[in-house]
Amino acid sequence: MRRLLATAAAAALATLAISVPAQAADMAYVALNEKGLKQVLIKKSWGPAWLGPVDDYETNVAMTGLRPELCEVNGKVIKGEKSSSHSAMFMNFAQSKEGHLLLLQQVVYQYKDVQTAEFAWQQLLNSSSSCSGTITEDLVEDGEKVGTATVKTSVFIEPSMYGQDQLIINADVQIDEPLPGGVDSREAADQLQIFTYTGAAIVQISAYKDVPKQKNWVFSEPQVATVETLALLAIQRYHLMAYKAL
């Protein structure tokens, strides 16, 4: 009996030894090709209906690099490290009120490997501090000043619900026309950008909203929450596609 039990135990251990490597296969991030980079983009049908009907939808994929753009300070665009490849999605939501505009963009910056992406992410975080502050720029048409745009930019670095750090850059724009401080101040716009990093990619979700009136912050709380949710969706889409068993 003992010999039978020993034989059965040995057989079970042999079976376990064969099955363990398959269960404990090494996982790693792999570089996505053009098809994969397109698949990770947010689809047109996923455009949240409460933002308005999707009026325009475009995608672009290129196995060439692109530098993330954070902000513009005194005429200089603050950029991150150039990626190895990228893909992008653009949505324009039709608005029921005249003169209102709402846009959404997603960009996936894929680097050659995890180490390069981690370096690019740290550089992006370091560069983001240059964006914080308030600047005033002249609006010029046909060589003549027609008004001013005051841009107040806030920068936040905080963890998402999945634990990854997020870089959030909010730009609040007040446009005064035809003269600064005049009664014809007629436009306000905001840009909300969320950058998230995992594996070999940095993923950016940007929303832009414009309204034909003076307003300090044009995004509603539900709209901000929607953009934050889309940022989480975007980074998880990349993770599920690129994290593979080797």
C-alpha atoms as a PDB file:
ATOM      1  CA  MET A   1       0.000   0.000   0.000  1.00  0.00           C
ATOM      2  CA  ARG A   2       2.805   2.380   0.969  1.00  0.00           C
ATOM      3  CA  ARG A   3       4.537   1.629  -2.337  1.00  0.00           C
ATOM      4  CA  LEU A   4       1.338   2.442  -4.244  1.00  0.00           C
ATOM      5  CA  LEU A   5       0.921   5.721  -2.338  1.00  0.00           C
ATOM      6  CA  ALA A   6       4.557   6.631  -2.971  1.00  0.00           C
ATOM      7  CA  THR A   7       4.168   5.887  -6.668  1.00  0.00           C
ATOM      8  CA  ALA A   8       0.970   8.001  -6.838  1.00  0.00           C
ATOM      9  CA  ALA A   9       2.652  10.883  -5.015  1.00  0.00           C
ATOM     10  CA  ALA A  10       5.640  10.746  -7.354  1.00  0.00           C
ATOM     11  CA  ALA A  11       3.327  10.824 -10.357  1.00  0.00           C
ATOM     12  CA  ALA A  12       1.448  13.800  -8.916  1.00  0.00           C
ATOM     13  CA  LEU A  13       4.697  15.675  -8.277  1.00  0.00           C
ATOM     14  CA  ALA A  14       5.849  14.913 -11.804  1.00  0.00           C
ATOM     15  CA  THR A  15       2.587  16.324 -13.174  1.00  0.00           C
ATOM     16  CA  LEU A  16       2.965  19.407 -10.974  1.00  0.00           C
ATOM     17  CA  ALA A  17       6.547  19.894 -12.134  1.00  0.00           C
ATOM     18  CA  ILE A  18       5.381  19.871 -15.735  1.00  0.00           C
ATOM     19  CA  SER A  19       2.491  22.282 -15.134  1.00  0.00           C
ATOM     20  CA  VAL A  20       4.245  24.863 -12.944  1.00  0.00           C
ATOM     21  CA  PRO A  21       6.345  26.518 -15.671  1.00  0.00           C
ATOM     22  CA  ALA A  22       3.216  27.198 -17.730  1.00  0.00           C
ATOM     23  CA  GLN A  23       1.482  28.802 -14.764  1.00  0.00           C
ATOM     24  CA  ALA A  24       4.520  30.822 -13.718  1.00  0.00           C
ATOM     25  CA  ALA A  25       5.579  31.957 -17.182  1.00  0.00           C
ATOM     26  CA  ASP A  26       7.646  35.133 -17.233  1.00  0.00           C
ATOM     27  CA  MET A  27       5.642  38.253 -18.123  1.00  0.00           C
ATOM     28  CA  ALA A  28       7.097  41.321 -19.784  1.00  0.00           C
ATOM     29  CA  TYR A  29       6.085  44.323 -21.857  1.00  0.00           C
ATOM     30  CA  VAL A  30       6.549  43.851 -25.583  1.00  0.00           C
ATOM     31  CA  ALA A  31       6.683  46.528 -28.275  1.00  0.00           C
ATOM     32  CA  LEU A  32       3.361  46.842 -30.118  1.00  0.00           C
ATOM     33  CA  ASN A  33       3.272  46.950 -33.898  1.00  0.00           C
ATOM     34  CA  GLU A  34       1.025  49.283 -35.909  1.00  0.00           C
ATOM     35  CA  LYS A  35      -1.998  47.026 -35.439  1.00  0.00           C
ATOM     36  CA  GLY A  36      -1.500  46.860 -31.678  1.00  0.00           C
ATOM     37  CA  LEU A  37      -0.948  50.593 -31.350  1.00  0.00           C
ATOM     38  CA  LYS A  38      -4.225  51.202 -33.150  1.00  0.00           C
ATOM     39  CA  GLN A  39      -6.144  48.666 -31.078  1.00  0.00           C
ATOM     40  CA  VAL A  40      -5.226  50.378 -27.789  1.00  0.00           C
ATOM     41  CA  LEU A  41      -6.883  53.623 -28.895  1.00  0.00           C
ATOM     42  CA  ILE A  42     -10.295  54.564 -27.516  1.00  0.00           C
ATOM     43  CA  LYS A  43     -12.925  53.651 -30.083  1.00  0.00           C
ATOM     44  CA  LYS A  44     -15.496  56.021 -31.544  1.00  0.00           C
ATOM     45  CA  SER A  45     -18.358  53.993 -30.057  1.00  0.00           C
ATOM     46  CA  TRP A  46     -16.861  54.523 -26.586  1.00  0.00           C
ATOM     47  CA  GLY A  47     -17.268  58.289 -26.773  1.00  0.00           C
ATOM     48  CA  PRO A  48     -19.359  59.132 -23.669  1.00  0.00           C
ATOM     49  CA  ALA A  49     -22.844  60.119 -24.862  1.00  0.00           C
ATOM     50  CA  TRP A  50     -23.234  62.730 -22.097  1.00  0.00           C
ATOM     51  CA  LEU A  51     -20.390  64.746 -23.657  1.00  0.00           C
ATOM     52  CA  GLY A  52     -22.449  65.040 -26.852  1.00  0.00           C
ATOM     53  CA  PRO A  53     -22.667  63.075 -30.133  1.00  0.00           C
ATOM     54  CA  VAL A  54     -19.284  62.298 -31.713  1.00  0.00           C
ATOM     55  CA  ASP A  55     -19.167  64.695 -34.656  1.00  0.00           C
ATOM     56  CA  ASP A  56     -15.688  63.792 -35.899  1.00  0.00           C
ATOM     57  CA  TYR A  57     -13.323  60.884 -35.190  1.00  0.00           C
ATOM     58  CA  GLU A  58      -9.805  60.366 -36.499  1.00  0.00           C
ATOM     59  CA  THR A  59      -6.897  58.024 -35.727  1.00  0.00           C
ATOM     60  CA  ASN A  60      -3.250  57.993 -36.707  1.00  0.00           C
ATOM     61  CA  VAL A  61      -0.520  55.380 -36.176  1.00  0.00           C
ATOM     62  CA  ALA A  62       3.158  55.788 -37.024  1.00  0.00           C
ATOM     63  CA  MET A  63       6.245  53.729 -36.261  1.00  0.00           C
ATOM     64  CA  THR A  64       8.111  56.998 -35.816  1.00  0.00           C
ATOM     65  CA  GLY A  65       8.781  58.946 -32.656  1.00  0.00           C
ATOM     66  CA  LEU A  66       6.898  61.863 -31.157  1.00  0.00           C
ATOM     67  CA  ARG A  67       7.683  64.148 -28.224  1.00  0.00           C
ATOM     68  CA  PRO A  68       4.963  64.721 -25.589  1.00  0.00           C
ATOM     69  CA  GLU A  69       4.008  68.394 -25.326  1.00  0.00           C
ATOM     70  CA  LEU A  70       3.179  69.660 -21.836  1.00  0.00           C
ATOM     71  CA  CYS A  71       2.612  73.401 -22.185  1.00  0.00           C
ATOM     72  CA  GLU A  72       3.900  76.620 -23.699  1.00  0.00           C
ATOM     73  CA  VAL A  73       5.803  79.159 -21.592  1.00  0.00           C
ATOM     74  CA  ASN A  74       6.890  82.498 -23.055  1.00  0.00           C
ATOM     75  CA  GLY A  75       6.680  81.177 -26.585  1.00  0.00           C
ATOM     76  CA  LYS A  76       8.605  77.975 -25.806  1.00  0.00           C
ATOM     77  CA  VAL A  77       6.882  74.585 -25.916  1.00  0.00           C
ATOM     78  CA  ILE A  78       7.914  72.337 -23.007  1.00  0.00           C
ATOM     79  CA  LYS A  79       8.355  68.815 -24.386  1.00  0.00           C
ATOM     80  CA  GLY A  80       9.300  65.363 -23.146  1.00  0.00           C
ATOM     81  CA  GLU A  81      11.640  62.728 -24.569  1.00  0.00           C
ATOM     82  CA  LYS A  82      10.959  61.507 -28.099  1.00  0.00           C
ATOM     83  CA  SER A  83       9.284  58.091 -28.315  1.00  0.00           C
ATOM     84  CA  SER A  84      10.085  55.300 -30.782  1.00  0.00           C
ATOM     85  CA  SER A  85       6.528  55.041 -32.157  1.00  0.00           C
ATOM     86  CA  HIS A  86       3.118  56.488 -31.420  1.00  0.00           C
ATOM     87  CA  SER A  87      -0.600  56.394 -32.119  1.00  0.00           C
ATOM     88  CA  ALA A  88      -3.268  59.046 -31.665  1.00  0.00           C
ATOM     89  CA  MET A  89      -7.046  59.446 -31.536  1.00  0.00           C
ATOM     90  CA  PHE A  90      -9.118  62.604 -31.878  1.00  0.00           C
ATOM     91  CA  MET A  91     -12.828  63.133 -31.092  1.00  0.00           C
ATOM     92  CA  ASN A  92     -14.952  66.230 -31.587  1.00  0.00           C
ATOM     93  CA  PHE A  93     -18.247  66.242 -29.655  1.00  0.00           C
ATOM     94  CA  ALA A  94     -21.167  68.182 -31.146  1.00  0.00           C
ATOM     95  CA  GLN A  95     -22.513  70.719 -28.629  1.00  0.00           C
ATOM     96  CA  SER A  96     -26.145  71.852 -28.334  1.00  0.00           C
ATOM     97  CA  LYS A  97     -25.205  75.450 -27.463  1.00  0.00           C
ATOM     98  CA  GLU A  98     -23.909  77.784 -30.141  1.00  0.00           C
ATOM     99  CA  GLY A  99     -20.253  78.730 -29.846  1.00  0.00           C
ATOM    100  CA  HIS A 100     -19.392  75.823 -27.531  1.00  0.00           C
ATOM    101  CA  LEU A 101     -16.561  73.412 -28.393  1.00  0.00           C
ATOM    102  CA  LEU A 102     -15.488  70.133 -26.761  1.00  0.00           C
ATOM    103  CA  LEU A 103     -12.582  68.013 -28.013  1.00  0.00           C
ATOM    104  CA  LEU A 104     -10.878  64.855 -26.756  1.00  0.00           C
ATOM    105  CA  GLN A 105      -7.490  63.486 -27.779  1.00  0.00           C
ATOM    106  CA  GLN A 106      -5.483  60.393 -26.872  1.00  0.00           C
ATOM    107  CA  VAL A 107      -1.800  59.889 -27.682  1.00  0.00           C
ATOM    108  CA  VAL A 108       0.236  56.746 -26.964  1.00  0.00           C
ATOM    109  CA  TYR A 109       4.002  57.376 -26.836  1.00  0.00           C
ATOM    110  CA  GLN A 110       5.727  53.975 -27.064  1.00  0.00           C
ATOM    111  CA  TYR A 111       9.452  53.779 -26.264  1.00  0.00           C
ATOM    112  CA  LYS A 112      11.924  51.102 -27.307  1.00  0.00           C
ATOM    113  CA  ASP A 113      11.911  49.417 -23.890  1.00  0.00           C
ATOM    114  CA  VAL A 114      10.744  49.765 -20.291  1.00  0.00           C
ATOM    115  CA  GLN A 115      13.959  51.417 -19.112  1.00  0.00           C
ATOM    116  CA  THR A 116      13.775  54.123 -21.778  1.00  0.00           C
ATOM    117  CA  ALA A 117      10.117  54.773 -20.969  1.00  0.00           C
ATOM    118  CA  GLU A 118      10.877  55.066 -17.251  1.00  0.00           C
ATOM    119  CA  PHE A 119      13.597  57.630 -17.976  1.00  0.00           C
ATOM    120  CA  ALA A 120      11.211  59.547 -20.260  1.00  0.00           C
ATOM    121  CA  TRP A 121       8.533  59.540 -17.548  1.00  0.00           C
ATOM    122  CA  GLN A 122      10.881  60.918 -14.901  1.00  0.00           C
ATOM    123  CA  GLN A 123      12.047  63.592 -17.322  1.00  0.00           C
ATOM    124  CA  LEU A 124       8.420  64.488 -18.032  1.00  0.00           C
ATOM    125  CA  LEU A 125       7.667  64.866 -14.331  1.00  0.00           C
ATOM    126  CA  ASN A 126      10.748  67.044 -13.842  1.00  0.00           C
ATOM    127  CA  SER A 127       9.883  69.270 -16.806  1.00  0.00           C
ATOM    128  CA  SER A 128       6.260  69.736 -15.755  1.00  0.00           C
ATOM    129  CA  SER A 129       7.195  72.156 -12.969  1.00  0.00           C
ATOM    130  CA  SER A 130       8.064  74.726 -15.650  1.00  0.00           C
ATOM    131  CA  CYS A 131       4.394  74.823 -16.690  1.00  0.00           C
ATOM    132  CA  SER A 132       3.001  76.039 -13.373  1.00  0.00           C
ATOM    133  CA  GLY A 133       2.081  79.717 -13.204  1.00  0.00           C
ATOM    134  CA  THR A 134       0.171  82.502 -14.959  1.00  0.00           C
ATOM    135  CA  ILE A 135       1.180  84.197 -18.197  1.00  0.00           C
ATOM    136  CA  THR A 136      -0.492  86.811 -20.411  1.00  0.00           C
ATOM    137  CA  GLU A 137      -0.051  86.781 -24.185  1.00  0.00           C
ATOM    138  CA  ASP A 138      -1.094  89.225 -26.890  1.00  0.00           C
ATOM    139  CA  LEU A 139      -3.626  88.104 -29.483  1.00  0.00           C
ATOM    140  CA  VAL A 140      -2.492  89.350 -32.869  1.00  0.00           C
ATOM    141  CA  GLU A 141      -4.425  89.401 -36.144  1.00  0.00           C
ATOM    142  CA  ASP A 142      -2.964  90.843 -39.367  1.00  0.00           C
ATOM    143  CA  GLY A 143      -0.080  92.285 -37.399  1.00  0.00           C
ATOM    144  CA  GLU A 144      -2.302  94.152 -34.935  1.00  0.00           C
ATOM    145  CA  LYS A 145      -3.072  93.414 -31.301  1.00  0.00           C
ATOM    146  CA  VAL A 146      -6.754  92.609 -30.853  1.00  0.00           C
ATOM    147  CA  GLY A 147      -6.758  91.439 -27.227  1.00  0.00           C
ATOM    148  CA  THR A 148      -5.012  89.277 -24.663  1.00  0.00           C
ATOM    149  CA  ALA A 149      -5.138  85.719 -23.422  1.00  0.00           C
ATOM    150  CA  THR A 150      -4.368  85.021 -19.770  1.00  0.00           C
ATOM    151  CA  VAL A 151      -3.369  81.416 -19.101  1.00  0.00           C
ATOM    152  CA  LYS A 152      -3.228  80.030 -15.564  1.00  0.00           C
ATOM    153  CA  THR A 153      -1.621  76.583 -15.476  1.00  0.00           C
ATOM    154  CA  SER A 154      -1.725  74.176 -12.516  1.00  0.00           C
ATOM    155  CA  VAL A 155       0.332  70.980 -12.249  1.00  0.00           C
ATOM    156  CA  PHE A 156      -0.483  67.961 -10.077  1.00  0.00           C
ATOM    157  CA  ILE A 157       1.347  64.656  -9.631  1.00  0.00           C
ATOM    158  CA  GLU A 158      -0.804  62.129  -7.821  1.00  0.00           C
ATOM    159  CA  PRO A 159      -1.558  58.383  -7.850  1.00  0.00           C
ATOM    160  CA  SER A 160      -4.519  57.003  -9.753  1.00  0.00           C
ATOM    161  CA  MET A 161      -6.878  54.390  -8.306  1.00  0.00           C
ATOM    162  CA  TYR A 162      -4.573  51.707  -9.782  1.00  0.00           C
ATOM    163  CA  GLY A 163      -1.519  53.105  -7.997  1.00  0.00           C
ATOM    164  CA  GLN A 164       0.313  54.531 -10.995  1.00  0.00           C
ATOM    165  CA  ASP A 165       1.429  58.122 -10.834  1.00  0.00           C
ATOM    166  CA  GLN A 166      -0.498  60.552 -13.012  1.00  0.00           C
ATOM    167  CA  LEU A 167       0.733  63.898 -14.250  1.00  0.00           C
ATOM    168  CA  ILE A 168      -2.229  66.291 -14.504  1.00  0.00           C
ATOM    169  CA  ILE A 169      -1.887  69.686 -16.166  1.00  0.00           C
ATOM    170  CA  ASN A 170      -4.832  72.093 -16.123  1.00  0.00           C
ATOM    171  CA  ALA A 171      -4.749  75.264 -18.231  1.00  0.00           C
ATOM    172  CA  ASP A 172      -7.439  77.883 -17.575  1.00  0.00           C
ATOM    173  CA  VAL A 173      -7.594  80.464 -20.388  1.00  0.00           C
ATOM    174  CA  GLN A 174      -9.374  83.833 -20.258  1.00  0.00           C
ATOM    175  CA  ILE A 175      -9.578  85.731 -23.545  1.00  0.00           C
ATOM    176  CA  ASP A 176     -10.233  89.489 -23.552  1.00  0.00           C
ATOM    177  CA  GLU A 177     -11.305  91.149 -26.807  1.00  0.00           C
ATOM    178  CA  PRO A 178     -11.149  93.699 -28.278  1.00  0.00           C
ATOM    179  CA  LEU A 179      -9.191  95.266 -25.386  1.00  0.00           C
ATOM    180  CA  PRO A 180      -7.895  93.804 -22.109  1.00  0.00           C
ATOM    181  CA  GLY A 181     -10.491  94.181 -19.379  1.00  0.00           C
ATOM    182  CA  GLY A 182     -13.117  95.547 -21.755  1.00  0.00           C
ATOM    183  CA  VAL A 183     -16.819  94.746 -21.607  1.00  0.00           C
ATOM    184  CA  ASP A 184     -16.462  92.537 -24.661  1.00  0.00           C
ATOM    185  CA  SER A 185     -14.564  89.826 -22.774  1.00  0.00           C
ATOM    186  CA  ARG A 186     -16.248  87.000 -24.562  1.00  0.00           C
ATOM    187  CA  GLU A 187     -14.423  83.724 -24.384  1.00  0.00           C
ATOM    188  CA  ALA A 188     -13.013  81.231 -21.916  1.00  0.00           C
ATOM    189  CA  ALA A 189     -11.314  77.919 -22.565  1.00  0.00           C
ATOM    190  CA  ASP A 190      -9.760  75.143 -20.530  1.00  0.00           C
ATOM    191  CA  GLN A 191      -7.440  72.270 -21.321  1.00  0.00           C
ATOM    192  CA  LEU A 192      -7.179  69.221 -19.082  1.00  0.00           C
ATOM    193  CA  GLN A 193      -4.253  66.864 -19.735  1.00  0.00           C
ATOM    194  CA  ILE A 194      -3.622  63.573 -17.943  1.00  0.00           C
ATOM    195  CA  PHE A 195      -0.384  61.658 -18.551  1.00  0.00           C
ATOM    196  CA  THR A 196      -0.019  58.109 -17.214  1.00  0.00           C
ATOM    197  CA  TYR A 197       2.930  55.720 -17.508  1.00  0.00           C
ATOM    198  CA  THR A 198       3.249  51.947 -17.503  1.00  0.00           C
ATOM    199  CA  GLY A 199       5.644  49.510 -19.134  1.00  0.00           C
ATOM    200  CA  ALA A 200       7.170  50.991 -22.280  1.00  0.00           C
ATOM    201  CA  ALA A 201       4.589  53.702 -22.879  1.00  0.00           C
ATOM    202  CA  ILE A 202       3.345  57.065 -21.713  1.00  0.00           C
ATOM    203  CA  VAL A 203      -0.339  57.612 -22.513  1.00  0.00           C
ATOM    204  CA  GLN A 204      -1.870  61.078 -22.705  1.00  0.00           C
ATOM    205  CA  ILE A 205      -5.544  62.001 -22.560  1.00  0.00           C
ATOM    206  CA  SER A 206      -6.371  65.643 -23.307  1.00  0.00           C
ATOM    207  CA  ALA A 207      -9.710  67.439 -23.253  1.00  0.00           C
ATOM    208  CA  TYR A 208     -10.320  70.974 -24.523  1.00  0.00           C
ATOM    209  CA  LYS A 209     -13.463  73.020 -23.959  1.00  0.00           C
ATOM    210  CA  ASP A 210     -14.316  76.512 -25.206  1.00  0.00           C
ATOM    211  CA  VAL A 211     -17.349  78.643 -24.280  1.00  0.00           C
ATOM    212  CA  PRO A 212     -18.321  82.132 -25.580  1.00  0.00           C
ATOM    213  CA  LYS A 213     -18.440  83.812 -22.176  1.00  0.00           C
ATOM    214  CA  GLN A 214     -16.217  84.700 -19.253  1.00  0.00           C
ATOM    215  CA  LYS A 215     -15.950  81.771 -16.868  1.00  0.00           C
ATOM    216  CA  ASN A 216     -13.170  80.707 -14.510  1.00  0.00           C
ATOM    217  CA  TRP A 217     -13.368  76.936 -15.128  1.00  0.00           C
ATOM    218  CA  VAL A 218     -15.507  75.658 -17.970  1.00  0.00           C
ATOM    219  CA  PHE A 219     -15.406  71.894 -17.274  1.00  0.00           C
ATOM    220  CA  SER A 220     -18.113  70.534 -14.994  1.00  0.00           C
ATOM    221  CA  GLU A 221     -17.219  68.025 -12.262  1.00  0.00           C
ATOM    222  CA  PRO A 222     -18.867  65.117 -14.178  1.00  0.00           C
ATOM    223  CA  GLN A 223     -16.862  66.059 -17.289  1.00  0.00           C
ATOM    224  CA  VAL A 224     -13.617  66.073 -15.303  1.00  0.00           C
ATOM    225  CA  ALA A 225     -14.503  62.680 -13.793  1.00  0.00           C
ATOM    226  CA  THR A 226     -15.217  61.350 -17.293  1.00  0.00           C
ATOM    227  CA  VAL A 227     -11.799  62.459 -18.570  1.00  0.00           C
ATOM    228  CA  GLU A 228     -10.128  60.861 -15.541  1.00  0.00           C
ATOM    229  CA  THR A 229     -11.977  57.595 -16.224  1.00  0.00           C
ATOM    230  CA  LEU A 230     -10.947  57.660 -19.883  1.00  0.00           C
ATOM    231  CA  ALA A 231      -7.318  58.129 -18.800  1.00  0.00           C
ATOM    232  CA  LEU A 232      -7.562  54.966 -16.682  1.00  0.00           C
ATOM    233  CA  LEU A 233      -9.226  53.122 -19.555  1.00  0.00           C
ATOM    234  CA  ALA A 234      -6.480  54.223 -21.942  1.00  0.00           C
ATOM    235  CA  ILE A 235      -3.583  53.039 -19.788  1.00  0.00           C
ATOM    236  CA  GLN A 236      -5.301  49.732 -19.018  1.00  0.00           C
ATOM    237  CA  ARG A 237      -5.899  49.170 -22.742  1.00  0.00           C
ATOM    238  CA  TYR A 238      -2.168  49.488 -23.342  1.00  0.00           C
ATOM    239  CA  HIS A 239      -1.298  47.256 -20.367  1.00  0.00           C
ATOM    240  CA  LEU A 240      -3.617  44.448 -21.472  1.00  0.00           C
ATOM    241  CA  MET A 241      -2.277  44.570 -25.013  1.00  0.00           C
ATOM    242  CA  ALA A 242       1.455  44.916 -24.305  1.00  0.00           C
ATOM    243  CA  TYR A 243       1.990  42.819 -21.142  1.00  0.00           C
ATOM    244  CA  LYS A 244       2.615  39.325 -22.465  1.00  0.00           C
ATOM    245  CA  ALA A 245       3.890  35.918 -21.350  1.00  0.00           C
ATOM    246  CA  LEU A 246       7.296  35.180 -22.825  1.00  0.00           C
END
